[in-house]
Amino acid sequence: VFQQWIISLNGGAKAVIGAVIGACMGFDMGGPVNKTASMAANALGADGINGPMCAKIIGGMTPPIGLFIATLLKTEIETAKTALPMGLCFITEGVLPFAAADPLHFIPASMIGSAVAGAIAVGSGCESVAAHGGIFVVPMMKNPVMFLVALVIGSIVTGIVYAIIRKP
């Protein structure tokens, strides 16, 4: 029943599902909320519903790439040089030192950017048959160009929000 309901959703409702999964992925960077959202996307993917998989992947890529952007805006590039390549590889945990040092500012920025990216990706009809792989699985996705657009937009949102609200 749940699978049939997901399949019947239109673009706007799919965007909401993408935003929720994206926000959960950006919440605790590999922690239990992230893993629960990942498991839900994997379960839906196992049933052939692949849109949420895109939200999972993009929600995990956006925080480290957004952090990289924020450091460019604040000239702290040395402390975040590993964030960009880790983000491109869908390794969200690369931002844990930043999230641990400033959780009240970084986590909301991460969730907002990941939600925006997930909403755009899933709302645009992006789907992924791959459960992991970051930028390397984009060519296998349905609507890969919109996935990349969503990734860029979500990462920029994360970066700008964090650059504005973070502690000095």
N, C-alpha and C. Protein backbone atom coordinates (compact mmCIF):
# COMPACT_ATOMS: atom_id res chain seq x y z
N VAL A 1 0.83 -1.18 0.00
CA VAL A 1 0.00 0.00 0.00
C VAL A 1 0.88 1.26 0.00
N PHE A 2 1.90 1.28 0.88
CA PHE A 2 2.79 2.44 0.95
C PHE A 2 3.50 2.67 -0.38
N GLN A 3 3.97 1.58 -0.99
CA GLN A 3 4.66 1.69 -2.27
C GLN A 3 3.73 2.25 -3.35
N GLN A 4 2.50 1.79 -3.38
CA GLN A 4 1.54 2.29 -4.37
C GLN A 4 1.25 3.77 -4.16
N TRP A 5 1.19 4.19 -2.90
CA TRP A 5 0.97 5.61 -2.60
C TRP A 5 2.15 6.44 -3.10
N ILE A 6 3.38 5.98 -2.86
CA ILE A 6 4.57 6.69 -3.33
C ILE A 6 4.57 6.78 -4.85
N ILE A 7 4.26 5.68 -5.52
CA ILE A 7 4.24 5.65 -6.98
C ILE A 7 3.21 6.63 -7.53
N SER A 8 2.08 6.80 -6.84
CA SER A 8 1.00 7.65 -7.35
C SER A 8 1.25 9.14 -7.14
N LEU A 9 2.29 9.51 -6.42
CA LEU A 9 2.53 10.93 -6.14
C LEU A 9 2.90 11.69 -7.40
N ASN A 10 2.52 12.98 -7.45
CA ASN A 10 2.90 13.84 -8.56
C ASN A 10 4.18 14.61 -8.21
N GLY A 11 4.61 15.52 -9.06
CA GLY A 11 5.87 16.24 -8.87
C GLY A 11 5.97 16.99 -7.56
N GLY A 12 4.92 17.71 -7.17
CA GLY A 12 4.97 18.49 -5.93
C GLY A 12 5.08 17.62 -4.70
N ALA A 13 4.30 16.56 -4.66
CA ALA A 13 4.35 15.65 -3.52
C ALA A 13 5.65 14.87 -3.49
N LYS A 14 6.16 14.53 -4.66
CA LYS A 14 7.47 13.87 -4.73
C LYS A 14 8.56 14.80 -4.20
N ALA A 15 8.41 16.09 -4.49
CA ALA A 15 9.39 17.05 -3.99
C ALA A 15 9.40 17.08 -2.47
N VAL A 16 8.22 16.95 -1.85
CA VAL A 16 8.14 16.92 -0.39
C VAL A 16 8.86 15.69 0.16
N ILE A 17 8.62 14.53 -0.46
CA ILE A 17 9.32 13.31 -0.04
C ILE A 17 10.83 13.52 -0.18
N GLY A 18 11.25 14.09 -1.29
CA GLY A 18 12.68 14.36 -1.50
C GLY A 18 13.24 15.32 -0.47
N ALA A 19 12.47 16.33 -0.12
CA ALA A 19 12.93 17.30 0.88
C ALA A 19 13.07 16.65 2.25
N VAL A 20 12.12 15.80 2.62
CA VAL A 20 12.18 15.15 3.93
C VAL A 20 13.39 14.21 4.00
N ILE A 21 13.57 13.40 2.97
CA ILE A 21 14.72 12.49 2.97
C ILE A 21 16.02 13.29 2.94
N GLY A 22 16.08 14.34 2.13
CA GLY A 22 17.27 15.18 2.07
C GLY A 22 17.58 15.81 3.42
N ALA A 23 16.57 16.36 4.09
CA ALA A 23 16.79 16.99 5.40
C ALA A 23 17.27 15.97 6.42
N CYS A 24 16.70 14.78 6.38
CA CYS A 24 17.14 13.73 7.32
C CYS A 24 18.58 13.33 7.05
N MET A 25 18.96 13.27 5.79
CA MET A 25 20.34 12.92 5.44
C MET A 25 21.30 14.01 5.92
N GLY A 26 20.86 15.27 5.88
CA GLY A 26 21.72 16.37 6.30
C GLY A 26 21.70 16.64 7.79
N PHE A 27 20.87 15.91 8.55
CA PHE A 27 20.71 16.20 9.97
C PHE A 27 21.91 15.79 10.81
N ASP A 28 22.31 14.54 10.73
CA ASP A 28 23.36 14.07 11.64
C ASP A 28 24.53 13.40 10.92
N MET A 29 24.71 13.70 9.65
CA MET A 29 25.90 13.32 8.88
C MET A 29 26.38 11.89 9.14
N GLY A 30 25.56 10.92 8.85
CA GLY A 30 25.94 9.53 9.03
C GLY A 30 25.44 8.91 10.31
N GLY A 31 24.70 9.66 11.10
CA GLY A 31 24.16 9.16 12.37
C GLY A 31 22.86 8.41 12.16
N PRO A 32 22.12 8.19 13.23
CA PRO A 32 20.92 7.35 13.15
C PRO A 32 19.79 7.92 12.30
N VAL A 33 19.60 9.23 12.30
CA VAL A 33 18.54 9.81 11.46
C VAL A 33 18.92 9.64 9.99
N ASN A 34 20.17 9.93 9.67
CA ASN A 34 20.70 9.75 8.32
C ASN A 34 20.54 8.30 7.88
N LYS A 35 20.90 7.38 8.74
CA LYS A 35 20.83 5.96 8.38
C LYS A 35 19.38 5.48 8.23
N THR A 36 18.47 6.04 9.00
CA THR A 36 17.05 5.67 8.87
C THR A 36 16.51 6.13 7.52
N ALA A 37 16.82 7.37 7.14
CA ALA A 37 16.39 7.88 5.84
C ALA A 37 17.01 7.06 4.72
N SER A 38 18.27 6.71 4.89
CA SER A 38 18.97 5.90 3.89
C SER A 38 18.31 4.54 3.75
N MET A 39 17.97 3.93 4.88
CA MET A 39 17.32 2.62 4.86
C MET A 39 15.95 2.69 4.16
N ALA A 40 15.21 3.75 4.44
CA ALA A 40 13.89 3.92 3.80
C ALA A 40 14.05 4.05 2.29
N ALA A 41 15.02 4.85 1.86
CA ALA A 41 15.27 5.01 0.42
C ALA A 41 15.72 3.69 -0.20
N ASN A 42 16.57 2.94 0.51
CA ASN A 42 17.03 1.64 0.01
C ASN A 42 15.86 0.66 -0.12
N ALA A 43 14.96 0.66 0.87
CA ALA A 43 13.81 -0.24 0.83
C ALA A 43 12.91 0.09 -0.34
N LEU A 44 12.67 1.38 -0.57
CA LEU A 44 11.85 1.78 -1.71
C LEU A 44 12.55 1.42 -3.01
N GLY A 45 13.88 1.61 -3.06
CA GLY A 45 14.64 1.24 -4.25
C GLY A 45 14.57 -0.24 -4.54
N ALA A 46 14.57 -1.05 -3.49
CA ALA A 46 14.45 -2.50 -3.67
C ALA A 46 13.12 -2.88 -4.30
N ASP A 47 12.11 -2.02 -4.09
CA ASP A 47 10.80 -2.24 -4.69
C ASP A 47 10.63 -1.51 -6.03
N GLY A 48 11.74 -0.98 -6.56
CA GLY A 48 11.70 -0.32 -7.86
C GLY A 48 11.27 1.13 -7.83
N ILE A 49 11.21 1.73 -6.66
CA ILE A 49 10.86 3.15 -6.54
C ILE A 49 12.17 3.88 -6.28
N ASN A 50 12.75 4.48 -7.33
CA ASN A 50 14.13 4.96 -7.27
C ASN A 50 14.30 6.45 -7.04
N GLY A 51 13.22 7.22 -7.01
CA GLY A 51 13.34 8.65 -6.75
C GLY A 51 13.93 8.96 -5.38
N PRO A 52 13.46 8.33 -4.31
CA PRO A 52 14.02 8.61 -2.99
C PRO A 52 15.52 8.31 -2.89
N MET A 53 16.02 7.40 -3.72
CA MET A 53 17.45 7.10 -3.71
C MET A 53 18.26 8.35 -4.12
N CYS A 54 17.72 9.12 -5.07
CA CYS A 54 18.39 10.37 -5.46
C CYS A 54 18.42 11.35 -4.30
N ALA A 55 17.32 11.45 -3.57
CA ALA A 55 17.28 12.36 -2.42
C ALA A 55 18.29 11.92 -1.36
N LYS A 56 18.43 10.62 -1.18
CA LYS A 56 19.40 10.09 -0.22
C LYS A 56 20.82 10.48 -0.64
N ILE A 57 21.15 10.24 -1.90
CA ILE A 57 22.51 10.52 -2.36
C ILE A 57 22.79 12.01 -2.32
N ILE A 58 21.88 12.81 -2.84
CA ILE A 58 22.12 14.25 -2.90
C ILE A 58 22.10 14.87 -1.51
N GLY A 59 21.26 14.32 -0.62
CA GLY A 59 21.22 14.83 0.76
C GLY A 59 22.51 14.56 1.51
N GLY A 60 23.22 13.50 1.13
CA GLY A 60 24.51 13.21 1.75
C GLY A 60 25.67 13.93 1.10
N MET A 61 25.51 14.35 -0.14
CA MET A 61 26.58 15.06 -0.84
C MET A 61 26.56 16.56 -0.56
N THR A 62 25.37 17.11 -0.35
CA THR A 62 25.22 18.55 -0.20
C THR A 62 25.96 19.14 1.01
N PRO A 63 25.90 18.53 2.22
CA PRO A 63 26.58 19.16 3.36
C PRO A 63 28.08 19.37 3.18
N PRO A 64 28.86 18.37 2.73
CA PRO A 64 30.29 18.64 2.59
C PRO A 64 30.61 19.62 1.47
N ILE A 65 29.85 19.56 0.37
CA ILE A 65 30.11 20.51 -0.71
C ILE A 65 29.70 21.91 -0.28
N GLY A 66 28.58 22.02 0.43
CA GLY A 66 28.15 23.32 0.95
C GLY A 66 29.14 23.89 1.94
N LEU A 67 29.69 23.03 2.79
CA LEU A 67 30.72 23.48 3.73
C LEU A 67 31.93 24.02 2.99
N PHE A 68 32.32 23.34 1.94
CA PHE A 68 33.44 23.80 1.12
C PHE A 68 33.14 25.20 0.58
N ILE A 69 31.92 25.40 0.09
CA ILE A 69 31.53 26.72 -0.42
C ILE A 69 31.56 27.77 0.68
N ALA A 70 31.07 27.42 1.86
CA ALA A 70 31.07 28.36 2.99
C ALA A 70 32.49 28.76 3.35
N THR A 71 33.42 27.81 3.30
CA THR A 71 34.80 28.16 3.66
C THR A 71 35.43 29.05 2.60
N LEU A 72 35.01 28.89 1.36
CA LEU A 72 35.49 29.81 0.32
C LEU A 72 35.01 31.22 0.60
N LEU A 73 33.76 31.31 1.05
CA LEU A 73 33.19 32.62 1.34
C LEU A 73 33.84 33.25 2.56
N LYS A 74 34.36 32.44 3.47
CA LYS A 74 34.96 32.94 4.70
C LYS A 74 36.48 32.72 4.75
N THR A 75 37.06 32.37 3.63
CA THR A 75 38.51 32.16 3.49
C THR A 75 39.10 31.21 4.53
N GLU A 76 38.44 30.11 4.79
CA GLU A 76 38.97 29.06 5.67
C GLU A 76 39.20 27.78 4.88
N ILE A 77 39.70 27.92 3.69
CA ILE A 77 39.83 26.79 2.79
C ILE A 77 40.73 25.69 3.33
N GLU A 78 41.75 26.03 4.06
CA GLU A 78 42.68 25.01 4.58
C GLU A 78 41.98 24.00 5.47
N THR A 79 41.00 24.43 6.23
CA THR A 79 40.34 23.52 7.16
C THR A 79 39.29 22.64 6.49
N ALA A 80 38.97 22.90 5.24
CA ALA A 80 37.89 22.16 4.58
C ALA A 80 38.31 21.55 3.24
N LYS A 81 39.60 21.41 3.01
CA LYS A 81 40.04 20.89 1.71
C LYS A 81 39.53 19.48 1.43
N THR A 82 39.29 18.69 2.46
CA THR A 82 38.80 17.34 2.21
C THR A 82 37.29 17.29 2.02
N ALA A 83 36.59 18.36 2.36
CA ALA A 83 35.12 18.33 2.28
C ALA A 83 34.62 18.15 0.84
N LEU A 84 35.22 18.85 -0.11
CA LEU A 84 34.73 18.77 -1.49
C LEU A 84 34.89 17.37 -2.08
N PRO A 85 36.09 16.78 -2.07
CA PRO A 85 36.17 15.44 -2.65
C PRO A 85 35.35 14.40 -1.88
N MET A 86 35.27 14.54 -0.56
CA MET A 86 34.45 13.59 0.20
C MET A 86 32.98 13.77 -0.16
N GLY A 87 32.53 14.99 -0.32
CA GLY A 87 31.15 15.25 -0.71
C GLY A 87 30.83 14.68 -2.08
N LEU A 88 31.74 14.86 -3.02
CA LEU A 88 31.52 14.32 -4.36
C LEU A 88 31.43 12.80 -4.35
N CYS A 89 32.08 12.18 -3.38
CA CYS A 89 32.04 10.71 -3.25
C CYS A 89 30.91 10.23 -2.36
N PHE A 90 30.04 11.14 -1.89
CA PHE A 90 28.91 10.82 -1.01
C PHE A 90 29.40 10.29 0.33
N ILE A 91 30.42 10.96 0.86
CA ILE A 91 30.92 10.66 2.20
C ILE A 91 30.61 11.89 3.05
N THR A 92 29.43 11.89 3.64
CA THR A 92 28.95 13.03 4.41
C THR A 92 29.76 13.25 5.67
N GLU A 93 30.31 12.19 6.24
CA GLU A 93 31.00 12.28 7.52
C GLU A 93 32.21 13.21 7.50
N GLY A 94 32.65 13.66 6.35
CA GLY A 94 33.76 14.60 6.27
C GLY A 94 33.48 15.93 6.93
N VAL A 95 32.22 16.23 7.19
CA VAL A 95 31.87 17.50 7.83
C VAL A 95 31.69 17.37 9.33
N LEU A 96 31.86 16.17 9.87
CA LEU A 96 31.63 15.98 11.31
C LEU A 96 32.45 16.91 12.20
N PRO A 97 33.72 17.19 11.88
CA PRO A 97 34.44 18.14 12.75
C PRO A 97 33.78 19.52 12.80
N PHE A 98 33.24 19.96 11.69
CA PHE A 98 32.58 21.26 11.63
C PHE A 98 31.24 21.21 12.35
N ALA A 99 30.51 20.11 12.14
CA ALA A 99 29.22 19.96 12.81
C ALA A 99 29.39 19.83 14.32
N ALA A 100 30.45 19.16 14.75
CA ALA A 100 30.69 19.01 16.18
C ALA A 100 31.12 20.34 16.81
N ALA A 101 31.87 21.14 16.07
CA ALA A 101 32.35 22.41 16.59
C ALA A 101 31.26 23.48 16.62
N ASP A 102 30.28 23.37 15.75
CA ASP A 102 29.24 24.41 15.64
C ASP A 102 27.90 23.80 15.25
N PRO A 103 27.38 22.85 16.04
CA PRO A 103 26.17 22.12 15.63
C PRO A 103 24.92 23.00 15.49
N LEU A 104 24.78 24.01 16.32
CA LEU A 104 23.57 24.83 16.27
C LEU A 104 23.47 25.66 14.99
N HIS A 105 24.59 25.84 14.32
CA HIS A 105 24.56 26.61 13.08
C HIS A 105 24.73 25.70 11.86
N PHE A 106 25.65 24.73 11.95
CA PHE A 106 25.90 23.91 10.77
C PHE A 106 24.76 22.95 10.46
N ILE A 107 24.20 22.31 11.46
CA ILE A 107 23.15 21.31 11.19
C ILE A 107 21.93 21.92 10.51
N PRO A 108 21.41 23.07 10.98
CA PRO A 108 20.28 23.66 10.23
C PRO A 108 20.66 24.04 8.79
N ALA A 109 21.86 24.58 8.58
CA ALA A 109 22.29 24.92 7.22
C ALA A 109 22.37 23.68 6.36
N SER A 110 22.89 22.60 6.93
CA SER A 110 23.00 21.33 6.23
C SER A 110 21.63 20.77 5.87
N MET A 111 20.71 20.82 6.81
CA MET A 111 19.37 20.29 6.56
C MET A 111 18.63 21.11 5.51
N ILE A 112 18.77 22.42 5.56
CA ILE A 112 18.08 23.28 4.60
C ILE A 112 18.60 23.02 3.19
N GLY A 113 19.92 23.00 3.03
CA GLY A 113 20.50 22.75 1.71
C GLY A 113 20.17 21.37 1.18
N SER A 114 20.23 20.36 2.06
CA SER A 114 19.92 18.99 1.63
C SER A 114 18.44 18.84 1.28
N ALA A 115 17.57 19.53 2.02
CA ALA A 115 16.13 19.49 1.71
C ALA A 115 15.85 20.14 0.36
N VAL A 116 16.49 21.28 0.11
CA VAL A 116 16.31 21.96 -1.18
C VAL A 116 16.78 21.06 -2.32
N ALA A 117 17.96 20.47 -2.15
CA ALA A 117 18.50 19.59 -3.19
C ALA A 117 17.61 18.37 -3.40
N GLY A 118 17.17 17.75 -2.32
CA GLY A 118 16.31 16.57 -2.44
C GLY A 118 14.99 16.90 -3.10
N ALA A 119 14.41 18.03 -2.73
CA ALA A 119 13.13 18.44 -3.32
C ALA A 119 13.27 18.68 -4.82
N ILE A 120 14.32 19.38 -5.20
CA ILE A 120 14.52 19.67 -6.63
C ILE A 120 14.76 18.37 -7.40
N ALA A 121 15.62 17.51 -6.86
CA ALA A 121 15.97 16.27 -7.57
C ALA A 121 14.75 15.36 -7.75
N VAL A 122 14.08 15.05 -6.65
CA VAL A 122 12.96 14.11 -6.74
C VAL A 122 11.77 14.76 -7.44
N GLY A 123 11.53 16.04 -7.17
CA GLY A 123 10.44 16.75 -7.84
C GLY A 123 10.64 16.86 -9.34
N SER A 124 11.91 16.80 -9.78
CA SER A 124 12.22 16.87 -11.22
C SER A 124 12.24 15.50 -11.88
N GLY A 125 11.95 14.47 -11.09
CA GLY A 125 11.90 13.12 -11.67
C GLY A 125 13.22 12.38 -11.68
N CYS A 126 14.20 12.84 -10.91
CA CYS A 126 15.46 12.12 -10.83
C CYS A 126 15.25 10.79 -10.11
N GLU A 127 15.92 9.77 -10.60
CA GLU A 127 15.88 8.45 -9.97
C GLU A 127 17.27 7.84 -10.05
N SER A 128 17.59 7.01 -9.06
CA SER A 128 18.88 6.32 -9.06
C SER A 128 18.68 4.86 -8.72
N VAL A 129 19.23 3.99 -9.54
CA VAL A 129 19.20 2.57 -9.23
C VAL A 129 20.36 2.20 -8.31
N ALA A 130 21.34 3.08 -8.22
CA ALA A 130 22.50 2.84 -7.35
C ALA A 130 22.20 3.38 -5.96
N ALA A 131 22.60 2.63 -4.94
CA ALA A 131 22.37 3.04 -3.56
C ALA A 131 23.48 3.92 -3.02
N HIS A 132 24.62 3.94 -3.67
CA HIS A 132 25.77 4.71 -3.19
C HIS A 132 26.67 5.00 -4.37
N GLY A 133 27.58 5.93 -4.20
CA GLY A 133 28.55 6.18 -5.25
C GLY A 133 28.77 7.64 -5.59
N GLY A 134 27.93 8.52 -5.07
CA GLY A 134 28.13 9.95 -5.29
C GLY A 134 28.15 10.31 -6.77
N ILE A 135 29.10 11.15 -7.11
CA ILE A 135 29.19 11.69 -8.46
C ILE A 135 29.44 10.60 -9.50
N PHE A 136 29.98 9.48 -9.06
CA PHE A 136 30.33 8.41 -9.98
C PHE A 136 29.12 7.66 -10.52
N VAL A 137 27.98 7.75 -9.84
CA VAL A 137 26.77 7.05 -10.31
C VAL A 137 25.80 7.98 -11.03
N VAL A 138 26.13 9.25 -11.14
CA VAL A 138 25.24 10.20 -11.81
C VAL A 138 24.93 9.78 -13.25
N PRO A 139 25.91 9.28 -14.02
CA PRO A 139 25.56 8.87 -15.39
C PRO A 139 24.51 7.76 -15.47
N MET A 140 24.34 6.98 -14.40
CA MET A 140 23.35 5.90 -14.38
C MET A 140 21.96 6.39 -14.00
N MET A 141 21.85 7.63 -13.55
CA MET A 141 20.59 8.15 -13.03
C MET A 141 19.63 8.54 -14.14
N LYS A 142 18.37 8.53 -13.80
CA LYS A 142 17.35 9.12 -14.67
C LYS A 142 17.39 10.62 -14.41
N ASN A 143 17.49 11.42 -15.46
CA ASN A 143 17.55 12.88 -15.37
C ASN A 143 18.81 13.36 -14.64
N PRO A 144 19.99 12.92 -15.08
CA PRO A 144 21.23 13.28 -14.39
C PRO A 144 21.55 14.77 -14.40
N VAL A 145 21.14 15.47 -15.42
CA VAL A 145 21.42 16.91 -15.48
C VAL A 145 20.69 17.64 -14.35
N MET A 146 19.43 17.28 -14.12
CA MET A 146 18.69 17.92 -13.02
C MET A 146 19.25 17.51 -11.67
N PHE A 147 19.79 16.30 -11.56
CA PHE A 147 20.45 15.91 -10.32
C PHE A 147 21.62 16.84 -10.05
N LEU A 148 22.43 17.11 -11.07
CA LEU A 148 23.59 18.00 -10.89
C LEU A 148 23.14 19.43 -10.59
N VAL A 149 22.08 19.88 -11.24
CA VAL A 149 21.54 21.22 -10.95
C VAL A 149 21.09 21.28 -9.49
N ALA A 150 20.38 20.26 -9.05
CA ALA A 150 19.91 20.22 -7.66
C ALA A 150 21.08 20.17 -6.69
N LEU A 151 22.11 19.41 -7.03
CA LEU A 151 23.30 19.32 -6.17
C LEU A 151 23.98 20.68 -6.03
N VAL A 152 24.13 21.37 -7.13
CA VAL A 152 24.77 22.69 -7.10
C VAL A 152 23.92 23.67 -6.28
N ILE A 153 22.63 23.70 -6.54
CA ILE A 153 21.75 24.64 -5.83
C ILE A 153 21.72 24.32 -4.33
N GLY A 154 21.53 23.06 -3.98
CA GLY A 154 21.50 22.68 -2.56
C GLY A 154 22.81 22.97 -1.85
N SER A 155 23.92 22.72 -2.54
CA SER A 155 25.23 22.99 -1.94
C SER A 155 25.45 24.49 -1.74
N ILE A 156 25.04 25.27 -2.71
CA ILE A 156 25.16 26.73 -2.58
C ILE A 156 24.28 27.23 -1.44
N VAL A 157 23.07 26.70 -1.33
CA VAL A 157 22.18 27.09 -0.23
C VAL A 157 22.84 26.75 1.11
N THR A 158 23.36 25.52 1.24
CA THR A 158 24.05 25.14 2.48
C THR A 158 25.19 26.10 2.77
N GLY A 159 26.02 26.36 1.79
CA GLY A 159 27.18 27.23 1.98
C GLY A 159 26.82 28.64 2.37
N ILE A 160 25.85 29.21 1.69
CA ILE A 160 25.47 30.59 1.99
C ILE A 160 24.80 30.69 3.36
N VAL A 161 23.89 29.76 3.64
CA VAL A 161 23.21 29.80 4.95
C VAL A 161 24.24 29.65 6.07
N TYR A 162 25.15 28.70 5.93
CA TYR A 162 26.14 28.51 6.99
C TYR A 162 27.09 29.70 7.10
N ALA A 163 27.50 30.26 5.97
CA ALA A 163 28.40 31.42 6.01
C ALA A 163 27.74 32.60 6.72
N ILE A 164 26.42 32.72 6.58
CA ILE A 164 25.70 33.83 7.19
C ILE A 164 25.43 33.60 8.69
N ILE A 165 25.02 32.38 9.06
CA ILE A 165 24.56 32.17 10.44
C ILE A 165 25.61 31.61 11.38
N ARG A 166 26.74 31.17 10.88
CA ARG A 166 27.70 30.51 11.75
C ARG A 166 28.30 31.45 12.77
N LYS A 167 28.82 30.84 13.83
CA LYS A 167 29.43 31.66 14.88
C LYS A 167 30.75 32.22 14.37
N PRO A 168 31.13 33.40 14.82
CA PRO A 168 32.38 34.01 14.34
C PRO A 168 33.60 33.23 14.78
